Amino acid sequence: MTPILFDLAPKSIITELYDFEDELRKLRRGFESGRIILILGMRRTGKSSLLRCFLNESNTPHIMIDTRRIITSEGRINLRDFMMELGRSLSLLLNREAGIRSRTLELFRNMSGIEVNMDRLSINLSWRRGSRVDIALILDKINQVAEENGLRTALAIDKAQELRDLPLNFPAILAYVYNNLKNIVTILTGSQIELLYDLLKIEDPNSPLYGRLLYEIKLRRLSLEEAIGFLNRGFREVRMNVDESLIRKAVETLNGIIGWLTYFGWSLYQGENSIEKFLIRLHYRK
């Protein structure tokens, strides 16, 4: 049996989420009325899962950039890999959204720095100086198609703080979207909140984003009762009987962080029977 609650991958279906109803309501409200949404919280509190479930549930056309896919072995992101990920995200958009595909391809076809493979419906973006594609212009075309079709589109970046070392002016790009592209809503997730604020430079009077209204959703830890309920439900799902004292000890140790509770449940499901051994592994995984 494949566990659902104890699956270590980010959730992508709302029925797999546990007790995120309030956060989902806030995200829906922010998407309907906001321009830039920040999903904030400690590591392993469910930011990626909330974002992915919202995008899938709402059937929202979206460009989704997952920085984990492009972090190098040195722990950094370079411009080449970022452009490859953006091209991959645009390719997925075209493959998902048949209703806007032909018009989007029409607008992309004559753009400098963008190569369209019609057979595979894939997009390649130039990243080299002198031929680099204009990201703001790409988003302008996406906005134009969305406006023509009465759609609201998401530009989503998971773990956005990882982009801070790229040689791109993200505050300027996002300010352009904020001010001019009314059919695109930017959604950013971040666990290192100060680094995310530093990327956006929202407190710098010289930043293009200074003074802009940001809609923030802060994810919380589960309460003691919620955490116990989460583990009990997960163990029922995989038909395991786990001693209540072990569950309570894990809950008290893991401090309501749903990602670590998930990892604990998965570990027991895989045969771990010692909370001490689990916590040793968890220490190195953190």
C-alpha atoms as a PDB file:
ATOM      1  CA  MET A   1       0.000   0.000   0.000  1.00  0.00           C
ATOM      2  CA  THR A   2       1.306   3.452  -0.933  1.00  0.00           C
ATOM      3  CA  PRO A   3       0.694   5.918   1.905  1.00  0.00           C
ATOM      4  CA  ILE A   4      -0.975   9.230   1.102  1.00  0.00           C
ATOM      5  CA  LEU A   5      -0.512  11.292   4.257  1.00  0.00           C
ATOM      6  CA  PHE A   6       2.945   9.810   4.798  1.00  0.00           C
ATOM      7  CA  ASP A   7       4.094  10.284   1.192  1.00  0.00           C
ATOM      8  CA  LEU A   8       7.313  12.326   1.401  1.00  0.00           C
ATOM      9  CA  ALA A   9       6.728  14.165  -1.886  1.00  0.00           C
ATOM     10  CA  PRO A  10       4.814  17.474  -1.855  1.00  0.00           C
ATOM     11  CA  LYS A  11       1.071  16.906  -2.147  1.00  0.00           C
ATOM     12  CA  SER A  12      -0.644  17.849  -5.396  1.00  0.00           C
ATOM     13  CA  ILE A  13      -4.280  16.933  -4.703  1.00  0.00           C
ATOM     14  CA  ILE A  14      -6.383  18.769  -2.133  1.00  0.00           C
ATOM     15  CA  THR A  15      -7.793  15.566  -0.648  1.00  0.00           C
ATOM     16  CA  GLU A  16      -4.228  14.632   0.325  1.00  0.00           C
ATOM     17  CA  LEU A  17      -3.769  17.797   2.406  1.00  0.00           C
ATOM     18  CA  TYR A  18      -4.360  17.693   6.133  1.00  0.00           C
ATOM     19  CA  ASP A  19      -6.090  20.642   7.817  1.00  0.00           C
ATOM     20  CA  PHE A  20      -5.160  23.356   5.312  1.00  0.00           C
ATOM     21  CA  GLU A  21      -8.690  24.637   4.694  1.00  0.00           C
ATOM     22  CA  ASP A  22      -8.043  28.095   6.133  1.00  0.00           C
ATOM     23  CA  GLU A  23      -4.800  28.530   4.194  1.00  0.00           C
ATOM     24  CA  LEU A  24      -6.505  27.435   0.974  1.00  0.00           C
ATOM     25  CA  ARG A  25      -9.300  29.962   1.506  1.00  0.00           C
ATOM     26  CA  LYS A  26      -6.739  32.720   2.008  1.00  0.00           C
ATOM     27  CA  LEU A  27      -4.829  31.677  -1.090  1.00  0.00           C
ATOM     28  CA  ARG A  28      -7.980  31.633  -3.218  1.00  0.00           C
ATOM     29  CA  ARG A  29      -8.935  35.081  -1.903  1.00  0.00           C
ATOM     30  CA  GLY A  30      -5.465  36.443  -2.535  1.00  0.00           C
ATOM     31  CA  PHE A  31      -5.409  35.073  -6.057  1.00  0.00           C
ATOM     32  CA  GLU A  32      -8.750  36.656  -6.876  1.00  0.00           C
ATOM     33  CA  SER A  33      -7.827  40.119  -5.639  1.00  0.00           C
ATOM     34  CA  GLY A  34      -4.056  40.331  -5.101  1.00  0.00           C
ATOM     35  CA  ARG A  35      -1.019  40.910  -7.296  1.00  0.00           C
ATOM     36  CA  ILE A  36       1.850  39.295  -5.355  1.00  0.00           C
ATOM     37  CA  ILE A  37       1.242  36.506  -2.835  1.00  0.00           C
ATOM     38  CA  LEU A  38       3.884  35.259  -0.405  1.00  0.00           C
ATOM     39  CA  ILE A  39       3.434  31.816   1.189  1.00  0.00           C
ATOM     40  CA  LEU A  40       5.735  31.896   4.200  1.00  0.00           C
ATOM     41  CA  GLY A  41       6.677  29.430   6.902  1.00  0.00           C
ATOM     42  CA  MET A  42       9.398  27.328   8.451  1.00  0.00           C
ATOM     43  CA  ARG A  43      10.888  24.467   6.481  1.00  0.00           C
ATOM     44  CA  ARG A  44       8.600  21.444   6.141  1.00  0.00           C
ATOM     45  CA  THR A  45       5.389  23.282   7.032  1.00  0.00           C
ATOM     46  CA  GLY A  46       3.654  22.482   3.724  1.00  0.00           C
ATOM     47  CA  LYS A  47       4.275  25.523   1.518  1.00  0.00           C
ATOM     48  CA  SER A  48       5.009  23.539  -1.648  1.00  0.00           C
ATOM     49  CA  SER A  49       2.034  21.249  -1.079  1.00  0.00           C
ATOM     50  CA  LEU A  50      -0.328  24.185  -0.540  1.00  0.00           C
ATOM     51  CA  LEU A  51       0.869  25.894  -3.710  1.00  0.00           C
ATOM     52  CA  ARG A  52       0.675  22.788  -5.894  1.00  0.00           C
ATOM     53  CA  CYS A  53      -2.736  21.748  -4.607  1.00  0.00           C
ATOM     54  CA  PHE A  54      -4.134  25.225  -5.200  1.00  0.00           C
ATOM     55  CA  LEU A  55      -2.850  25.368  -8.770  1.00  0.00           C
ATOM     56  CA  ASN A  56      -4.217  21.906  -9.568  1.00  0.00           C
ATOM     57  CA  GLU A  57      -7.555  22.444  -7.797  1.00  0.00           C
ATOM     58  CA  SER A  58      -8.279  25.769  -9.449  1.00  0.00           C
ATOM     59  CA  ASN A  59      -7.248  24.609 -12.943  1.00  0.00           C
ATOM     60  CA  THR A  60      -5.364  27.883 -13.158  1.00  0.00           C
ATOM     61  CA  PRO A  61      -3.035  28.304 -16.142  1.00  0.00           C
ATOM     62  CA  HIS A  62       0.352  28.666 -14.528  1.00  0.00           C
ATOM     63  CA  ILE A  63       4.091  28.840 -14.948  1.00  0.00           C
ATOM     64  CA  MET A  64       5.596  26.890 -12.069  1.00  0.00           C
ATOM     65  CA  ILE A  65       9.321  27.226 -11.311  1.00  0.00           C
ATOM     66  CA  ASP A  66      10.677  24.832  -8.690  1.00  0.00           C
ATOM     67  CA  THR A  67      14.112  26.070  -7.640  1.00  0.00           C
ATOM     68  CA  ARG A  68      14.977  22.660  -6.168  1.00  0.00           C
ATOM     69  CA  ARG A  69      15.247  21.327  -9.714  1.00  0.00           C
ATOM     70  CA  ILE A  70      17.999  23.775 -10.596  1.00  0.00           C
ATOM     71  CA  ILE A  71      20.165  24.150  -7.488  1.00  0.00           C
ATOM     72  CA  THR A  72      23.694  23.078  -8.381  1.00  0.00           C
ATOM     73  CA  SER A  73      25.927  20.838  -6.289  1.00  0.00           C
ATOM     74  CA  GLU A  74      27.429  24.019  -4.825  1.00  0.00           C
ATOM     75  CA  GLY A  75      23.998  25.024  -3.534  1.00  0.00           C
ATOM     76  CA  ARG A  76      23.530  27.843  -6.036  1.00  0.00           C
ATOM     77  CA  ILE A  77      21.383  28.533  -9.078  1.00  0.00           C
ATOM     78  CA  ASN A  78      22.977  29.735 -12.295  1.00  0.00           C
ATOM     79  CA  LEU A  79      21.303  31.674 -15.087  1.00  0.00           C
ATOM     80  CA  ARG A  80      21.565  28.878 -17.657  1.00  0.00           C
ATOM     81  CA  ASP A  81      19.714  26.380 -15.478  1.00  0.00           C
ATOM     82  CA  PHE A  82      17.117  28.977 -14.490  1.00  0.00           C
ATOM     83  CA  MET A  83      16.359  29.683 -18.156  1.00  0.00           C
ATOM     84  CA  MET A  84      16.120  25.949 -18.845  1.00  0.00           C
ATOM     85  CA  GLU A  85      13.621  25.577 -15.996  1.00  0.00           C
ATOM     86  CA  LEU A  86      11.602  28.548 -17.236  1.00  0.00           C
ATOM     87  CA  GLY A  87      11.531  27.023 -20.728  1.00  0.00           C
ATOM     88  CA  ARG A  88      10.433  23.684 -19.268  1.00  0.00           C
ATOM     89  CA  SER A  89       7.656  25.438 -17.329  1.00  0.00           C
ATOM     90  CA  LEU A  90       6.441  27.226 -20.448  1.00  0.00           C
ATOM     91  CA  SER A  91       6.481  23.907 -22.338  1.00  0.00           C
ATOM     92  CA  LEU A  92       4.303  22.327 -19.641  1.00  0.00           C
ATOM     93  CA  LEU A  93       1.916  25.283 -19.838  1.00  0.00           C
ATOM     94  CA  LEU A  94       1.498  24.795 -23.595  1.00  0.00           C
ATOM     95  CA  ASN A  95       0.972  21.050 -23.223  1.00  0.00           C
ATOM     96  CA  ARG A  96      -1.647  21.510 -20.465  1.00  0.00           C
ATOM     97  CA  GLU A  97      -3.600  24.435 -21.887  1.00  0.00           C
ATOM     98  CA  ALA A  98      -4.886  23.470 -25.312  1.00  0.00           C
ATOM     99  CA  GLY A  99      -7.275  26.437 -25.371  1.00  0.00           C
ATOM    100  CA  ILE A 100      -4.496  29.045 -25.374  1.00  0.00           C
ATOM    101  CA  ARG A 101      -1.786  27.018 -27.107  1.00  0.00           C
ATOM    102  CA  SER A 102      -2.038  28.244 -30.692  1.00  0.00           C
ATOM    103  CA  ARG A 103      -2.298  31.923 -29.766  1.00  0.00           C
ATOM    104  CA  THR A 104       0.615  31.677 -27.340  1.00  0.00           C
ATOM    105  CA  LEU A 105       2.779  29.967 -29.956  1.00  0.00           C
ATOM    106  CA  GLU A 106       1.816  32.634 -32.472  1.00  0.00           C
ATOM    107  CA  LEU A 107       3.025  35.389 -30.140  1.00  0.00           C
ATOM    108  CA  PHE A 108       6.205  33.501 -29.195  1.00  0.00           C
ATOM    109  CA  ARG A 109       7.175  32.589 -32.748  1.00  0.00           C
ATOM    110  CA  ASN A 110       8.861  35.843 -33.717  1.00  0.00           C
ATOM    111  CA  MET A 111      10.402  36.702 -30.356  1.00  0.00           C
ATOM    112  CA  SER A 112      14.164  37.066 -30.075  1.00  0.00           C
ATOM    113  CA  GLY A 113      15.875  34.508 -27.854  1.00  0.00           C
ATOM    114  CA  ILE A 114      13.069  31.940 -27.884  1.00  0.00           C
ATOM    115  CA  GLU A 115      13.047  28.703 -29.873  1.00  0.00           C
ATOM    116  CA  VAL A 116       9.808  26.749 -30.318  1.00  0.00           C
ATOM    117  CA  ASN A 117       9.855  23.052 -31.209  1.00  0.00           C
ATOM    118  CA  MET A 118       6.422  22.463 -32.717  1.00  0.00           C
ATOM    119  CA  ASP A 119       6.780  18.674 -32.907  1.00  0.00           C
ATOM    120  CA  ARG A 120       7.425  18.283 -29.179  1.00  0.00           C
ATOM    121  CA  LEU A 121       5.659  21.481 -28.069  1.00  0.00           C
ATOM    122  CA  SER A 122       8.753  22.539 -26.193  1.00  0.00           C
ATOM    123  CA  ILE A 123      10.348  25.922 -25.529  1.00  0.00           C
ATOM    124  CA  ASN A 124      14.067  26.696 -25.327  1.00  0.00           C
ATOM    125  CA  LEU A 125      15.234  30.082 -24.066  1.00  0.00           C
ATOM    126  CA  SER A 126      18.536  31.770 -24.811  1.00  0.00           C
ATOM    127  CA  TRP A 127      20.450  32.827 -21.712  1.00  0.00           C
ATOM    128  CA  ARG A 128      23.707  34.163 -23.166  1.00  0.00           C
ATOM    129  CA  ARG A 129      24.515  37.842 -23.093  1.00  0.00           C
ATOM    130  CA  GLY A 130      23.584  39.513 -26.378  1.00  0.00           C
ATOM    131  CA  SER A 131      20.897  36.996 -27.308  1.00  0.00           C
ATOM    132  CA  ARG A 132      19.193  36.572 -23.924  1.00  0.00           C
ATOM    133  CA  VAL A 133      15.426  36.372 -24.038  1.00  0.00           C
ATOM    134  CA  ASP A 134      13.452  39.186 -22.411  1.00  0.00           C
ATOM    135  CA  ILE A 135      11.560  37.581 -19.484  1.00  0.00           C
ATOM    136  CA  ALA A 136       9.266  40.586 -19.087  1.00  0.00           C
ATOM    137  CA  LEU A 137       8.297  40.292 -22.766  1.00  0.00           C
ATOM    138  CA  ILE A 138       7.491  36.582 -22.341  1.00  0.00           C
ATOM    139  CA  LEU A 139       5.205  37.437 -19.430  1.00  0.00           C
ATOM    140  CA  ASP A 140       3.677  40.252 -21.463  1.00  0.00           C
ATOM    141  CA  LYS A 141       2.674  37.716 -24.152  1.00  0.00           C
ATOM    142  CA  ILE A 142       1.271  35.331 -21.518  1.00  0.00           C
ATOM    143  CA  ASN A 143      -0.761  38.199 -20.057  1.00  0.00           C
ATOM    144  CA  GLN A 144      -2.051  39.171 -23.503  1.00  0.00           C
ATOM    145  CA  VAL A 145      -3.341  35.638 -24.150  1.00  0.00           C
ATOM    146  CA  ALA A 146      -4.870  35.450 -20.662  1.00  0.00           C
ATOM    147  CA  GLU A 147      -6.631  38.779 -21.164  1.00  0.00           C
ATOM    148  CA  GLU A 148      -7.984  37.743 -24.552  1.00  0.00           C
ATOM    149  CA  ASN A 149      -9.445  34.597 -22.975  1.00  0.00           C
ATOM    150  CA  GLY A 150     -10.709  36.162 -19.735  1.00  0.00           C
ATOM    151  CA  LEU A 151      -8.232  34.165 -17.627  1.00  0.00           C
ATOM    152  CA  ARG A 152      -6.160  34.869 -14.556  1.00  0.00           C
ATOM    153  CA  THR A 153      -2.726  33.236 -14.755  1.00  0.00           C
ATOM    154  CA  ALA A 154      -0.217  32.388 -12.028  1.00  0.00           C
ATOM    155  CA  LEU A 155       3.539  32.914 -12.066  1.00  0.00           C
ATOM    156  CA  ALA A 156       4.585  30.600  -9.226  1.00  0.00           C
ATOM    157  CA  ILE A 157       8.118  30.246  -7.848  1.00  0.00           C
ATOM    158  CA  ASP A 158       8.696  27.659  -5.134  1.00  0.00           C
ATOM    159  CA  LYS A 159      11.493  28.527  -2.670  1.00  0.00           C
ATOM    160  CA  ALA A 160      12.003  31.863  -4.378  1.00  0.00           C
ATOM    161  CA  GLN A 161      14.742  33.015  -1.990  1.00  0.00           C
ATOM    162  CA  GLU A 162      17.137  30.691  -3.845  1.00  0.00           C
ATOM    163  CA  LEU A 163      17.069  33.100  -6.808  1.00  0.00           C
ATOM    164  CA  ARG A 164      18.789  35.927  -4.938  1.00  0.00           C
ATOM    165  CA  ASP A 165      22.229  35.329  -6.527  1.00  0.00           C
ATOM    166  CA  LEU A 166      21.023  35.300 -10.136  1.00  0.00           C
ATOM    167  CA  PRO A 167      22.139  38.213 -12.328  1.00  0.00           C
ATOM    168  CA  LEU A 168      18.530  39.249 -12.912  1.00  0.00           C
ATOM    169  CA  ASN A 169      16.653  42.203 -11.461  1.00  0.00           C
ATOM    170  CA  PHE A 170      13.721  40.307  -9.963  1.00  0.00           C
ATOM    171  CA  PRO A 171      12.223  43.322  -8.184  1.00  0.00           C
ATOM    172  CA  ALA A 172      12.052  45.111 -11.542  1.00  0.00           C
ATOM    173  CA  ILE A 173      10.525  42.105 -13.321  1.00  0.00           C
ATOM    174  CA  LEU A 174       7.915  41.552 -10.602  1.00  0.00           C
ATOM    175  CA  ALA A 175       7.155  45.279 -10.379  1.00  0.00           C
ATOM    176  CA  TYR A 176       6.520  45.277 -14.138  1.00  0.00           C
ATOM    177  CA  VAL A 177       4.088  42.381 -13.703  1.00  0.00           C
ATOM    178  CA  TYR A 178       2.480  44.107 -10.709  1.00  0.00           C
ATOM    179  CA  ASN A 179       1.980  47.404 -12.511  1.00  0.00           C
ATOM    180  CA  ASN A 180       1.183  46.314 -16.051  1.00  0.00           C
ATOM    181  CA  LEU A 181       0.152  42.677 -16.370  1.00  0.00           C
ATOM    182  CA  LYS A 182      -3.195  42.559 -14.614  1.00  0.00           C
ATOM    183  CA  ASN A 183      -3.980  38.993 -15.636  1.00  0.00           C
ATOM    184  CA  ILE A 184      -0.873  37.516 -13.979  1.00  0.00           C
ATOM    185  CA  VAL A 185      -0.645  36.936 -10.225  1.00  0.00           C
ATOM    186  CA  THR A 186       2.780  36.153  -8.778  1.00  0.00           C
ATOM    187  CA  ILE A 187       2.932  33.515  -6.015  1.00  0.00           C
ATOM    188  CA  LEU A 188       6.217  32.997  -4.163  1.00  0.00           C
ATOM    189  CA  THR A 189       7.008  30.534  -1.389  1.00  0.00           C
ATOM    190  CA  GLY A 190       9.844  30.970   1.069  1.00  0.00           C
ATOM    191  CA  SER A 191      11.105  29.434   4.302  1.00  0.00           C
ATOM    192  CA  GLN A 192      14.026  31.822   4.744  1.00  0.00           C
ATOM    193  CA  ILE A 193      11.769  34.820   5.081  1.00  0.00           C
ATOM    194  CA  GLU A 194      14.459  37.461   5.513  1.00  0.00           C
ATOM    195  CA  LEU A 195      16.253  36.191   2.400  1.00  0.00           C
ATOM    196  CA  LEU A 196      13.000  36.361   0.450  1.00  0.00           C
ATOM    197  CA  TYR A 197      12.407  39.926   1.611  1.00  0.00           C
ATOM    198  CA  ASP A 198      16.001  40.686   0.645  1.00  0.00           C
ATOM    199  CA  LEU A 199      15.408  39.259  -2.853  1.00  0.00           C
ATOM    200  CA  LEU A 200      12.356  41.484  -3.313  1.00  0.00           C
ATOM    201  CA  LYS A 201      13.956  44.481  -1.551  1.00  0.00           C
ATOM    202  CA  ILE A 202      10.528  45.498  -0.326  1.00  0.00           C
ATOM    203  CA  GLU A 203      11.974  47.641   2.472  1.00  0.00           C
ATOM    204  CA  ASP A 204      14.397  49.494   0.204  1.00  0.00           C
ATOM    205  CA  PRO A 205      12.996  52.892  -0.878  1.00  0.00           C
ATOM    206  CA  ASN A 206      14.941  52.527  -4.137  1.00  0.00           C
ATOM    207  CA  SER A 207      13.392  49.148  -4.981  1.00  0.00           C
ATOM    208  CA  PRO A 208      10.737  48.954  -7.720  1.00  0.00           C
ATOM    209  CA  LEU A 209       8.627  46.912  -5.264  1.00  0.00           C
ATOM    210  CA  TYR A 210       8.884  49.368  -2.389  1.00  0.00           C
ATOM    211  CA  GLY A 211       5.437  50.251  -1.067  1.00  0.00           C
ATOM    212  CA  ARG A 212       3.654  47.553  -3.053  1.00  0.00           C
ATOM    213  CA  LEU A 213       0.957  45.597  -1.249  1.00  0.00           C
ATOM    214  CA  LEU A 214       1.995  41.979  -0.724  1.00  0.00           C
ATOM    215  CA  TYR A 215      -0.592  39.401   0.339  1.00  0.00           C
ATOM    216  CA  GLU A 216       1.060  37.128   2.913  1.00  0.00           C
ATOM    217  CA  ILE A 217      -0.040  33.670   4.022  1.00  0.00           C
ATOM    218  CA  LYS A 218       1.934  32.364   6.992  1.00  0.00           C
ATOM    219  CA  LEU A 219       1.807  28.636   7.599  1.00  0.00           C
ATOM    220  CA  ARG A 220       1.557  27.437  11.167  1.00  0.00           C
ATOM    221  CA  ARG A 221       2.620  24.423  13.165  1.00  0.00           C
ATOM    222  CA  LEU A 222      -0.029  21.881  14.048  1.00  0.00           C
ATOM    223  CA  SER A 223      -1.368  21.949  17.572  1.00  0.00           C
ATOM    224  CA  LEU A 224      -0.765  18.951  19.830  1.00  0.00           C
ATOM    225  CA  GLU A 225      -4.241  17.592  19.109  1.00  0.00           C
ATOM    226  CA  GLU A 226      -3.933  18.221  15.347  1.00  0.00           C
ATOM    227  CA  ALA A 227      -0.546  16.481  15.200  1.00  0.00           C
ATOM    228  CA  ILE A 228      -1.849  13.434  17.066  1.00  0.00           C
ATOM    229  CA  GLY A 229      -4.878  13.350  14.758  1.00  0.00           C
ATOM    230  CA  PHE A 230      -2.598  13.549  11.713  1.00  0.00           C
ATOM    231  CA  LEU A 231      -0.470  10.594  12.801  1.00  0.00           C
ATOM    232  CA  ASN A 232      -3.466   8.506  13.856  1.00  0.00           C
ATOM    233  CA  ARG A 233      -5.166   9.106  10.521  1.00  0.00           C
ATOM    234  CA  GLY A 234      -1.995   8.248   8.614  1.00  0.00           C
ATOM    235  CA  PHE A 235      -1.460   5.022  10.552  1.00  0.00           C
ATOM    236  CA  ARG A 236      -5.095   4.025   9.998  1.00  0.00           C
ATOM    237  CA  GLU A 237      -4.575   4.623   6.298  1.00  0.00           C
ATOM    238  CA  VAL A 238      -1.696   2.127   6.193  1.00  0.00           C
ATOM    239  CA  ARG A 239      -3.430  -0.241   8.662  1.00  0.00           C
ATOM    240  CA  MET A 240      -0.828   0.066  11.401  1.00  0.00           C
ATOM    241  CA  ASN A 241      -1.417  -0.069  15.150  1.00  0.00           C
ATOM    242  CA  VAL A 242       1.061   2.232  16.853  1.00  0.00           C
ATOM    243  CA  ASP A 243       1.297   2.677  20.589  1.00  0.00           C
ATOM    244  CA  GLU A 244      -0.260   5.971  21.693  1.00  0.00           C
ATOM    245  CA  SER A 245       2.719   6.754  23.927  1.00  0.00           C
ATOM    246  CA  LEU A 246       5.073   6.571  20.913  1.00  0.00           C
ATOM    247  CA  ILE A 247       2.804   8.867  18.929  1.00  0.00           C
ATOM    248  CA  ARG A 248       2.663  11.372  21.764  1.00  0.00           C
ATOM    249  CA  LYS A 249       6.440  11.270  22.206  1.00  0.00           C
ATOM    250  CA  ALA A 250       6.942  11.946  18.505  1.00  0.00           C
ATOM    251  CA  VAL A 251       4.428  14.793  18.533  1.00  0.00           C
ATOM    252  CA  GLU A 252       6.054  16.453  21.528  1.00  0.00           C
ATOM    253  CA  THR A 253       9.497  16.104  19.950  1.00  0.00           C
ATOM    254  CA  LEU A 254       8.629  17.266  16.427  1.00  0.00           C
ATOM    255  CA  ASN A 255       6.841  20.402  17.586  1.00  0.00           C
ATOM    256  CA  GLY A 256       3.901  20.377  15.180  1.00  0.00           C
ATOM    257  CA  ILE A 257       5.913  20.592  11.940  1.00  0.00           C
ATOM    258  CA  ILE A 258       3.882  18.537   9.483  1.00  0.00           C
ATOM    259  CA  GLY A 259       6.812  17.631   7.243  1.00  0.00           C
ATOM    260  CA  TRP A 260       8.735  16.003  10.078  1.00  0.00           C
ATOM    261  CA  LEU A 261       5.584  14.280  11.341  1.00  0.00           C
ATOM    262  CA  THR A 262       5.139  12.897   7.818  1.00  0.00           C
ATOM    263  CA  TYR A 263       8.725  11.671   7.819  1.00  0.00           C
ATOM    264  CA  PHE A 264       8.179  10.015  11.209  1.00  0.00           C
ATOM    265  CA  GLY A 265       5.046   8.215   9.960  1.00  0.00           C
ATOM    266  CA  TRP A 266       6.818   7.119   6.784  1.00  0.00           C
ATOM    267  CA  SER A 267       9.785   5.820   8.808  1.00  0.00           C
ATOM    268  CA  LEU A 268       7.568   3.665  11.009  1.00  0.00           C
ATOM    269  CA  TYR A 269       5.724   2.440   7.948  1.00  0.00           C
ATOM    270  CA  GLN A 270       9.104   1.402   6.510  1.00  0.00           C
ATOM    271  CA  GLY A 271       9.910  -0.604   9.651  1.00  0.00           C
ATOM    272  CA  GLU A 272      11.575   1.873  12.012  1.00  0.00           C
ATOM    273  CA  ASN A 273      10.522   1.201  15.587  1.00  0.00           C
ATOM    274  CA  SER A 274      12.798   3.478  17.559  1.00  0.00           C
ATOM    275  CA  ILE A 275      12.037   7.165  18.007  1.00  0.00           C
ATOM    276  CA  GLU A 276      15.662   7.656  19.060  1.00  0.00           C
ATOM    277  CA  LYS A 277      17.033   6.217  15.805  1.00  0.00           C
ATOM    278  CA  PHE A 278      14.523   8.238  13.843  1.00  0.00           C
ATOM    279  CA  LEU A 279      15.561  11.492  15.540  1.00  0.00           C
ATOM    280  CA  ILE A 280      19.219  10.755  14.808  1.00  0.00           C
ATOM    281  CA  ARG A 281      18.373  10.394  11.100  1.00  0.00           C
ATOM    282  CA  LEU A 282      16.191  13.469  11.232  1.00  0.00           C
ATOM    283  CA  HIS A 283      19.056  15.488  12.695  1.00  0.00           C
ATOM    284  CA  TYR A 284      21.239  14.725   9.661  1.00  0.00           C
ATOM    285  CA  ARG A 285      18.362  15.212   7.200  1.00  0.00           C
ATOM    286  CA  LYS A 286      17.686  18.727   8.499  1.00  0.00           C
END
